[in-house]
């Protein structure tokens, strides 16, 4: 286990995928942002879903994804719909 699993919303599988696409630290994740991190995961796992995108943003913000603002969820959902 690395440091990413300590973040909200990041379990073993998401941490493994993040590591596989070259993201191993919180700093790398935060600098890249949830959208680019999700696109990288999507490139290796076509089943990457909207909740995974929400989860990545929640991890960056340090909160459970359920607590993201409706504005953020709306923006991420629009992004997801463009790239699914």
PDB file of N, CA and C in Angstrom:
ATOM      1  N   UNK A   1       0.828  -1.185   0.000  1.00  0.00           N
ATOM      2  CA  UNK A   1       0.000   0.000   0.000  1.00  0.00           C
ATOM      3  C   UNK A   1       0.873   1.250   0.000  1.00  0.00           C
ATOM      4  N   UNK A   2       0.440   2.209  -0.787  1.00  0.00           N
ATOM      5  CA  UNK A   2       1.147   3.479  -0.843  1.00  0.00           C
ATOM      6  C   UNK A   2       0.396   4.554  -0.075  1.00  0.00           C
ATOM      7  N   UNK A   3       0.732   5.782  -0.373  1.00  0.00           N
ATOM      8  CA  UNK A   3       0.113   6.887   0.355  1.00  0.00           C
ATOM      9  C   UNK A   3      -1.277   7.235  -0.168  1.00  0.00           C
ATOM     10  N   UNK A   4      -1.580   6.899  -1.425  1.00  0.00           N
ATOM     11  CA  UNK A   4      -2.860   7.293  -1.996  1.00  0.00           C
ATOM     12  C   UNK A   4      -4.047   6.616  -1.319  1.00  0.00           C
ATOM     13  N   UNK A   5      -3.856   5.396  -0.849  1.00  0.00           N
ATOM     14  CA  UNK A   5      -4.959   4.673  -0.229  1.00  0.00           C
ATOM     15  C   UNK A   5      -5.432   5.353   1.065  1.00  0.00           C
ATOM     16  N   UNK A   6      -4.614   6.222   1.611  1.00  0.00           N
ATOM     17  CA  UNK A   6      -4.995   6.943   2.827  1.00  0.00           C
ATOM     18  C   UNK A   6      -5.971   8.077   2.540  1.00  0.00           C
ATOM     19  N   UNK A   7      -6.137   8.427   1.275  1.00  0.00           N
ATOM     20  CA  UNK A   7      -7.035   9.508   0.887  1.00  0.00           C
ATOM     21  C   UNK A   7      -8.481   9.013   0.859  1.00  0.00           C
ATOM     22  N   UNK A   8      -9.445   9.915   1.098  1.00  0.00           N
ATOM     23  CA  UNK A   8     -10.846   9.520   0.969  1.00  0.00           C
ATOM     24  C   UNK A   8     -11.125   9.015  -0.437  1.00  0.00           C
ATOM     25  N   UNK A   9     -11.980   8.028  -0.547  1.00  0.00           N
ATOM     26  CA  UNK A   9     -12.469   7.484  -1.821  1.00  0.00           C
ATOM     27  C   UNK A   9     -11.469   6.611  -2.573  1.00  0.00           C
ATOM     28  N   UNK A  10     -10.257   6.454  -2.069  1.00  0.00           N
ATOM     29  CA  UNK A  10      -9.236   5.687  -2.793  1.00  0.00           C
ATOM     30  C   UNK A  10      -9.055   4.328  -2.120  1.00  0.00           C
ATOM     31  N   UNK A  11      -9.492   3.297  -2.816  1.00  0.00           N
ATOM     32  CA  UNK A  11      -9.302   1.934  -2.331  1.00  0.00           C
ATOM     33  C   UNK A  11      -8.118   1.298  -3.032  1.00  0.00           C
ATOM     34  N   UNK A  12      -7.930   0.028  -2.767  1.00  0.00           N
ATOM     35  CA  UNK A  12      -6.774  -0.685  -3.334  1.00  0.00           C
ATOM     36  C   UNK A  12      -6.758  -0.655  -4.858  1.00  0.00           C
ATOM     37  N   UNK A  13      -7.916  -0.870  -5.478  1.00  0.00           N
ATOM     38  CA  UNK A  13      -7.957  -0.941  -6.943  1.00  0.00           C
ATOM     39  C   UNK A  13      -7.686   0.418  -7.580  1.00  0.00           C
ATOM     40  N   UNK A  14      -8.279   1.465  -7.044  1.00  0.00           N
ATOM     41  CA  UNK A  14      -8.044   2.797  -7.613  1.00  0.00           C
ATOM     42  C   UNK A  14      -6.584   3.211  -7.395  1.00  0.00           C
ATOM     43  N   UNK A  15      -6.047   2.898  -6.228  1.00  0.00           N
ATOM     44  CA  UNK A  15      -4.633   3.202  -5.998  1.00  0.00           C
ATOM     45  C   UNK A  15      -3.765   2.434  -7.001  1.00  0.00           C
ATOM     46  N   UNK A  16      -4.067   1.171  -7.235  1.00  0.00           N
ATOM     47  CA  UNK A  16      -3.300   0.377  -8.190  1.00  0.00           C
ATOM     48  C   UNK A  16      -3.374   1.009  -9.580  1.00  0.00           C
ATOM     49  N   UNK A  17      -4.566   1.434  -9.976  1.00  0.00           N
ATOM     50  CA  UNK A  17      -4.710   2.050 -11.291  1.00  0.00           C
ATOM     51  C   UNK A  17      -3.960   3.378 -11.371  1.00  0.00           C
ATOM     52  N   UNK A  18      -4.063   4.187 -10.337  1.00  0.00           N
ATOM     53  CA  UNK A  18      -3.321   5.444 -10.328  1.00  0.00           C
ATOM     54  C   UNK A  18      -1.825   5.187 -10.447  1.00  0.00           C
ATOM     55  N   UNK A  19      -1.336   4.218  -9.698  1.00  0.00           N
ATOM     56  CA  UNK A  19       0.088   3.875  -9.772  1.00  0.00           C
ATOM     57  C   UNK A  19       0.457   3.406 -11.175  1.00  0.00           C
ATOM     58  N   UNK A  20      -0.422   2.617 -11.785  1.00  0.00           N
ATOM     59  CA  UNK A  20      -0.148   2.089 -13.119  1.00  0.00           C
ATOM     60  C   UNK A  20      -0.026   3.195 -14.160  1.00  0.00           C
ATOM     61  N   UNK A  21      -0.760   4.290 -13.960  1.00  0.00           N
ATOM     62  CA  UNK A  21      -0.693   5.398 -14.918  1.00  0.00           C
ATOM     63  C   UNK A  21       0.283   6.486 -14.485  1.00  0.00           C
ATOM     64  N   UNK A  22       1.120   6.173 -13.489  1.00  0.00           N
ATOM     65  CA  UNK A  22       2.208   7.064 -13.120  1.00  0.00           C
ATOM     66  C   UNK A  22       1.914   8.057 -12.010  1.00  0.00           C
ATOM     67  N   UNK A  23       0.802   7.881 -11.305  1.00  0.00           N
ATOM     68  CA  UNK A  23       0.458   8.775 -10.203  1.00  0.00           C
ATOM     69  C   UNK A  23       0.641   8.002  -8.904  1.00  0.00           C
ATOM     70  N   UNK A  24       1.630   8.403  -8.124  1.00  0.00           N
ATOM     71  CA  UNK A  24       1.941   7.662  -6.903  1.00  0.00           C
ATOM     72  C   UNK A  24       1.870   8.507  -5.640  1.00  0.00           C
ATOM     73  N   UNK A  25       1.695   9.812  -5.802  1.00  0.00           N
ATOM     74  CA  UNK A  25       1.634  10.684  -4.632  1.00  0.00           C
ATOM     75  C   UNK A  25       0.429  11.612  -4.719  1.00  0.00           C
ATOM     76  N   UNK A  26       0.015  12.117  -3.557  1.00  0.00           N
ATOM     77  CA  UNK A  26      -1.070  13.093  -3.532  1.00  0.00           C
ATOM     78  C   UNK A  26      -0.697  14.323  -4.346  1.00  0.00           C
ATOM     79  N   UNK A  27       0.536  14.761  -4.239  1.00  0.00           N
ATOM     80  CA  UNK A  27       0.980  15.949  -4.965  1.00  0.00           C
ATOM     81  C   UNK A  27       0.818  15.768  -6.467  1.00  0.00           C
ATOM     82  N   UNK A  28       1.178  14.597  -6.969  1.00  0.00           N
ATOM     83  CA  UNK A  28       1.012  14.331  -8.402  1.00  0.00           C
ATOM     84  C   UNK A  28      -0.468  14.355  -8.787  1.00  0.00           C
ATOM     85  N   UNK A  29      -1.299  13.738  -7.963  1.00  0.00           N
ATOM     86  CA  UNK A  29      -2.735  13.709  -8.234  1.00  0.00           C
ATOM     87  C   UNK A  29      -3.311  15.123  -8.222  1.00  0.00           C
ATOM     88  N   UNK A  30      -2.978  15.902  -7.207  1.00  0.00           N
ATOM     89  CA  UNK A  30      -3.513  17.254  -7.084  1.00  0.00           C
ATOM     90  C   UNK A  30      -3.040  18.143  -8.233  1.00  0.00           C
ATOM     91  N   UNK A  31      -1.772  18.010  -8.599  1.00  0.00           N
ATOM     92  CA  UNK A  31      -1.235  18.821  -9.693  1.00  0.00           C
ATOM     93  C   UNK A  31      -1.892  18.469 -11.018  1.00  0.00           C
ATOM     94  N   UNK A  32      -2.121  17.192 -11.256  1.00  0.00           N
ATOM     95  CA  UNK A  32      -2.729  16.749 -12.498  1.00  0.00           C
ATOM     96  C   UNK A  32      -4.212  17.084 -12.538  1.00  0.00           C
ATOM     97  N   UNK A  33      -4.858  16.954 -11.408  1.00  0.00           N
ATOM     98  CA  UNK A  33      -6.298  17.185 -11.343  1.00  0.00           C
ATOM     99  C   UNK A  33      -7.068  15.917 -11.628  1.00  0.00           C
ATOM    100  N   UNK A  34      -8.300  15.906 -11.165  1.00  0.00           N
ATOM    101  CA  UNK A  34      -9.102  14.689 -11.274  1.00  0.00           C
ATOM    102  C   UNK A  34      -9.427  14.325 -12.711  1.00  0.00           C
ATOM    103  N   UNK A  35      -9.637  15.324 -13.565  1.00  0.00           N
ATOM    104  CA  UNK A  35     -10.034  15.032 -14.939  1.00  0.00           C
ATOM    105  C   UNK A  35      -8.934  14.311 -15.704  1.00  0.00           C
ATOM    106  N   UNK A  36      -7.714  14.828 -15.630  1.00  0.00           N
ATOM    107  CA  UNK A  36      -6.616  14.182 -16.347  1.00  0.00           C
ATOM    108  C   UNK A  36      -6.274  12.827 -15.732  1.00  0.00           C
ATOM    109  N   UNK A  37      -6.356  12.729 -14.404  1.00  0.00           N
ATOM    110  CA  UNK A  37      -6.104  11.437 -13.758  1.00  0.00           C
ATOM    111  C   UNK A  37      -7.146  10.417 -14.205  1.00  0.00           C
ATOM    112  N   UNK A  38      -8.410  10.842 -14.268  1.00  0.00           N
ATOM    113  CA  UNK A  38      -9.477   9.939 -14.703  1.00  0.00           C
ATOM    114  C   UNK A  38      -9.276   9.519 -16.156  1.00  0.00           C
ATOM    115  N   UNK A  39      -8.871  10.449 -17.016  1.00  0.00           N
ATOM    116  CA  UNK A  39      -8.625  10.090 -18.415  1.00  0.00           C
ATOM    117  C   UNK A  39      -7.505   9.056 -18.528  1.00  0.00           C
ATOM    118  N   UNK A  40      -6.494   9.200 -17.704  1.00  0.00           N
ATOM    119  CA  UNK A  40      -5.411   8.198 -17.714  1.00  0.00           C
ATOM    120  C   UNK A  40      -5.938   6.843 -17.273  1.00  0.00           C
ATOM    121  N   UNK A  41      -6.743   6.830 -16.213  1.00  0.00           N
ATOM    122  CA  UNK A  41      -7.323   5.559 -15.760  1.00  0.00           C
ATOM    123  C   UNK A  41      -8.224   4.986 -16.850  1.00  0.00           C
ATOM    124  N   UNK A  42      -9.024   5.825 -17.480  1.00  0.00           N
ATOM    125  CA  UNK A  42      -9.927   5.382 -18.544  1.00  0.00           C
ATOM    126  C   UNK A  42      -9.143   4.736 -19.684  1.00  0.00           C
ATOM    127  N   UNK A  43      -7.922   5.185 -19.907  1.00  0.00           N
ATOM    128  CA  UNK A  43      -7.111   4.614 -20.992  1.00  0.00           C
ATOM    129  C   UNK A  43      -6.697   3.169 -20.709  1.00  0.00           C
ATOM    130  N   UNK A  44      -6.715   2.765 -19.444  1.00  0.00           N
ATOM    131  CA  UNK A  44      -6.360   1.383 -19.102  1.00  0.00           C
ATOM    132  C   UNK A  44      -7.560   0.582 -18.597  1.00  0.00           C
ATOM    133  N   UNK A  45      -8.676   1.276 -18.309  1.00  0.00           N
ATOM    134  CA  UNK A  45      -9.883   0.611 -17.790  1.00  0.00           C
ATOM    135  C   UNK A  45     -11.098   1.321 -18.357  1.00  0.00           C
ATOM    136  N   UNK A  46     -11.640   0.757 -19.429  1.00  0.00           N
ATOM    137  CA  UNK A  46     -12.761   1.394 -20.109  1.00  0.00           C
ATOM    138  C   UNK A  46     -14.014   1.476 -19.232  1.00  0.00           C
ATOM    139  N   UNK A  47     -14.036   0.751 -18.121  1.00  0.00           N
ATOM    140  CA  UNK A  47     -15.208   0.780 -17.244  1.00  0.00           C
ATOM    141  C   UNK A  47     -15.136   1.908 -16.215  1.00  0.00           C
ATOM    142  N   UNK A  48     -14.103   2.758 -16.291  1.00  0.00           N
ATOM    143  CA  UNK A  48     -13.977   3.879 -15.348  1.00  0.00           C
ATOM    144  C   UNK A  48     -15.258   4.717 -15.415  1.00  0.00           C
ATOM    145  N   UNK A  49     -15.912   4.877 -14.271  1.00  0.00           N
ATOM    146  CA  UNK A  49     -17.243   5.466 -14.233  1.00  0.00           C
ATOM    147  C   UNK A  49     -17.224   6.877 -13.646  1.00  0.00           C
ATOM    148  N   UNK A  50     -18.395   7.490 -13.660  1.00  0.00           N
ATOM    149  CA  UNK A  50     -18.560   8.833 -13.118  1.00  0.00           C
ATOM    150  C   UNK A  50     -18.202   8.874 -11.637  1.00  0.00           C
ATOM    151  N   UNK A  51     -18.572   7.847 -10.893  1.00  0.00           N
ATOM    152  CA  UNK A  51     -18.251   7.825  -9.466  1.00  0.00           C
ATOM    153  C   UNK A  51     -16.745   7.809  -9.224  1.00  0.00           C
ATOM    154  N   UNK A  52     -15.995   7.195 -10.110  1.00  0.00           N
ATOM    155  CA  UNK A  52     -14.542   7.205  -9.973  1.00  0.00           C
ATOM    156  C   UNK A  52     -14.011   8.629 -10.172  1.00  0.00           C
ATOM    157  N   UNK A  53     -14.573   9.338 -11.131  1.00  0.00           N
ATOM    158  CA  UNK A  53     -14.192  10.735 -11.353  1.00  0.00           C
ATOM    159  C   UNK A  53     -14.530  11.574 -10.121  1.00  0.00           C
ATOM    160  N   UNK A  54     -15.738  11.402  -9.594  1.00  0.00           N
ATOM    161  CA  UNK A  54     -16.123  12.094  -8.360  1.00  0.00           C
ATOM    162  C   UNK A  54     -15.159  11.731  -7.224  1.00  0.00           C
ATOM    163  N   UNK A  55     -14.828  10.458  -7.129  1.00  0.00           N
ATOM    164  CA  UNK A  55     -13.946   9.997  -6.060  1.00  0.00           C
ATOM    165  C   UNK A  55     -12.575  10.636  -6.120  1.00  0.00           C
ATOM    166  N   UNK A  56     -12.053  10.785  -7.320  1.00  0.00           N
ATOM    167  CA  UNK A  56     -10.743  11.423  -7.473  1.00  0.00           C
ATOM    168  C   UNK A  56     -10.794  12.883  -7.030  1.00  0.00           C
ATOM    169  N   UNK A  57     -11.856  13.594  -7.415  1.00  0.00           N
ATOM    170  CA  UNK A  57     -11.985  14.987  -6.990  1.00  0.00           C
ATOM    171  C   UNK A  57     -12.151  15.074  -5.477  1.00  0.00           C
ATOM    172  N   UNK A  58     -12.945  14.178  -4.917  1.00  0.00           N
ATOM    173  CA  UNK A  58     -13.096  14.159  -3.466  1.00  0.00           C
ATOM    174  C   UNK A  58     -11.773  13.890  -2.763  1.00  0.00           C
ATOM    175  N   UNK A  59     -10.981  12.998  -3.323  1.00  0.00           N
ATOM    176  CA  UNK A  59      -9.668  12.701  -2.734  1.00  0.00           C
ATOM    177  C   UNK A  59      -8.785  13.947  -2.734  1.00  0.00           C
ATOM    178  N   UNK A  60      -8.830  14.699  -3.817  1.00  0.00           N
ATOM    179  CA  UNK A  60      -8.043  15.931  -3.901  1.00  0.00           C
ATOM    180  C   UNK A  60      -8.529  16.943  -2.869  1.00  0.00           C
ATOM    181  N   UNK A  61      -9.848  17.032  -2.711  1.00  0.00           N
ATOM    182  CA  UNK A  61     -10.413  17.982  -1.751  1.00  0.00           C
ATOM    183  C   UNK A  61     -10.351  17.478  -0.308  1.00  0.00           C
ATOM    184  N   UNK A  62     -10.077  16.176  -0.140  1.00  0.00           N
ATOM    185  CA  UNK A  62      -9.996  15.607   1.201  1.00  0.00           C
ATOM    186  C   UNK A  62     -11.345  15.287   1.810  1.00  0.00           C
ATOM    187  N   UNK A  63     -12.345  15.013   0.933  1.00  0.00           N
ATOM    188  CA  UNK A  63     -13.697  14.710   1.406  1.00  0.00           C
ATOM    189  C   UNK A  63     -14.259  13.491   0.681  1.00  0.00           C
ATOM    190  N   UNK A  64     -15.277  12.885   1.269  1.00  0.00           N
ATOM    191  CA  UNK A  64     -15.988  11.818   0.565  1.00  0.00           C
ATOM    192  C   UNK A  64     -16.664  12.427  -0.655  1.00  0.00           C
ATOM    193  N   UNK A  65     -16.717  11.701  -1.752  1.00  0.00           N
ATOM    194  CA  UNK A  65     -17.260  12.274  -2.988  1.00  0.00           C
ATOM    195  C   UNK A  65     -18.714  12.659  -2.840  1.00  0.00           C
ATOM    196  N   UNK A  66     -19.448  12.006  -1.948  1.00  0.00           N
ATOM    197  CA  UNK A  66     -20.857  12.337  -1.725  1.00  0.00           C
ATOM    198  C   UNK A  66     -21.018  13.787  -1.262  1.00  0.00           C
ATOM    199  N   UNK A  67     -19.972  14.357  -0.667  1.00  0.00           N
ATOM    200  CA  UNK A  67     -20.034  15.705  -0.121  1.00  0.00           C
ATOM    201  C   UNK A  67     -19.535  16.781  -1.088  1.00  0.00           C
ATOM    202  N   UNK A  68     -19.235  16.406  -2.318  1.00  0.00           N
ATOM    203  CA  UNK A  68     -18.865  17.410  -3.312  1.00  0.00           C
ATOM    204  C   UNK A  68     -20.060  18.337  -3.553  1.00  0.00           C
ATOM    205  N   UNK A  69     -19.783  19.582  -3.860  1.00  0.00           N
ATOM    206  CA  UNK A  69     -20.879  20.518  -4.132  1.00  0.00           C
ATOM    207  C   UNK A  69     -21.612  20.096  -5.411  1.00  0.00           C
ATOM    208  N   UNK A  70     -22.851  20.493  -5.505  1.00  0.00           N
ATOM    209  CA  UNK A  70     -23.641  20.171  -6.700  1.00  0.00           C
ATOM    210  C   UNK A  70     -23.034  20.820  -7.943  1.00  0.00           C
ATOM    211  N   UNK A  71     -22.434  21.998  -7.791  1.00  0.00           N
ATOM    212  CA  UNK A  71     -21.774  22.650  -8.922  1.00  0.00           C
ATOM    213  C   UNK A  71     -20.611  21.811  -9.438  1.00  0.00           C
ATOM    214  N   UNK A  72     -19.796  21.304  -8.516  1.00  0.00           N
ATOM    215  CA  UNK A  72     -18.655  20.474  -8.907  1.00  0.00           C
ATOM    216  C   UNK A  72     -19.147  19.186  -9.551  1.00  0.00           C
ATOM    217  N   UNK A  73     -20.149  18.563  -8.950  1.00  0.00           N
ATOM    218  CA  UNK A  73     -20.701  17.335  -9.542  1.00  0.00           C
ATOM    219  C   UNK A  73     -21.228  17.594 -10.947  1.00  0.00           C
ATOM    220  N   UNK A  74     -21.909  18.721 -11.135  1.00  0.00           N
ATOM    221  CA  UNK A  74     -22.441  19.047 -12.460  1.00  0.00           C
ATOM    222  C   UNK A  74     -21.339  19.235 -13.487  1.00  0.00           C
ATOM    223  N   UNK A  75     -20.291  19.938 -13.099  1.00  0.00           N
ATOM    224  CA  UNK A  75     -19.159  20.160 -14.001  1.00  0.00           C
ATOM    225  C   UNK A  75     -18.492  18.829 -14.362  1.00  0.00           C
ATOM    226  N   UNK A  76     -18.296  17.984 -13.357  1.00  0.00           N
ATOM    227  CA  UNK A  76     -17.643  16.694 -13.609  1.00  0.00           C
ATOM    228  C   UNK A  76     -18.533  15.776 -14.446  1.00  0.00           C
ATOM    229  N   UNK A  77     -19.839  15.838 -14.219  1.00  0.00           N
ATOM    230  CA  UNK A  77     -20.755  15.006 -15.011  1.00  0.00           C
ATOM    231  C   UNK A  77     -20.721  15.434 -16.477  1.00  0.00           C
ATOM    232  N   UNK A  78     -20.678  16.734 -16.741  1.00  0.00           N
ATOM    233  CA  UNK A  78     -20.581  17.216 -18.125  1.00  0.00           C
ATOM    234  C   UNK A  78     -19.284  16.739 -18.771  1.00  0.00           C
ATOM    235  N   UNK A  79     -18.179  16.808 -18.034  1.00  0.00           N
ATOM    236  CA  UNK A  79     -16.890  16.316 -18.533  1.00  0.00           C
ATOM    237  C   UNK A  79     -16.973  14.823 -18.834  1.00  0.00           C
ATOM    238  N   UNK A  80     -17.533  14.070 -17.894  1.00  0.00           N
ATOM    239  CA  UNK A  80     -17.676  12.621 -18.063  1.00  0.00           C
ATOM    240  C   UNK A  80     -18.482  12.308 -19.333  1.00  0.00           C
ATOM    241  N   UNK A  81     -19.594  13.009 -19.511  1.00  0.00           N
ATOM    242  CA  UNK A  81     -20.447  12.737 -20.667  1.00  0.00           C
ATOM    243  C   UNK A  81     -19.742  13.035 -21.988  1.00  0.00           C
ATOM    244  N   UNK A  82     -18.783  13.947 -21.987  1.00  0.00           N
ATOM    245  CA  UNK A  82     -18.017  14.243 -23.195  1.00  0.00           C
ATOM    246  C   UNK A  82     -16.989  13.157 -23.494  1.00  0.00           C
ATOM    247  N   UNK A  83     -16.597  12.396 -22.468  1.00  0.00           N
ATOM    248  CA  UNK A  83     -15.479  11.459 -22.634  1.00  0.00           C
ATOM    249  C   UNK A  83     -15.823   9.989 -22.403  1.00  0.00           C
ATOM    250  N   UNK A  84     -17.067   9.701 -22.138  1.00  0.00           N
ATOM    251  CA  UNK A  84     -17.389   8.289 -21.851  1.00  0.00           C
ATOM    252  C   UNK A  84     -17.453   7.453 -23.099  1.00  0.00           C
TER     253      UNK A  84
END
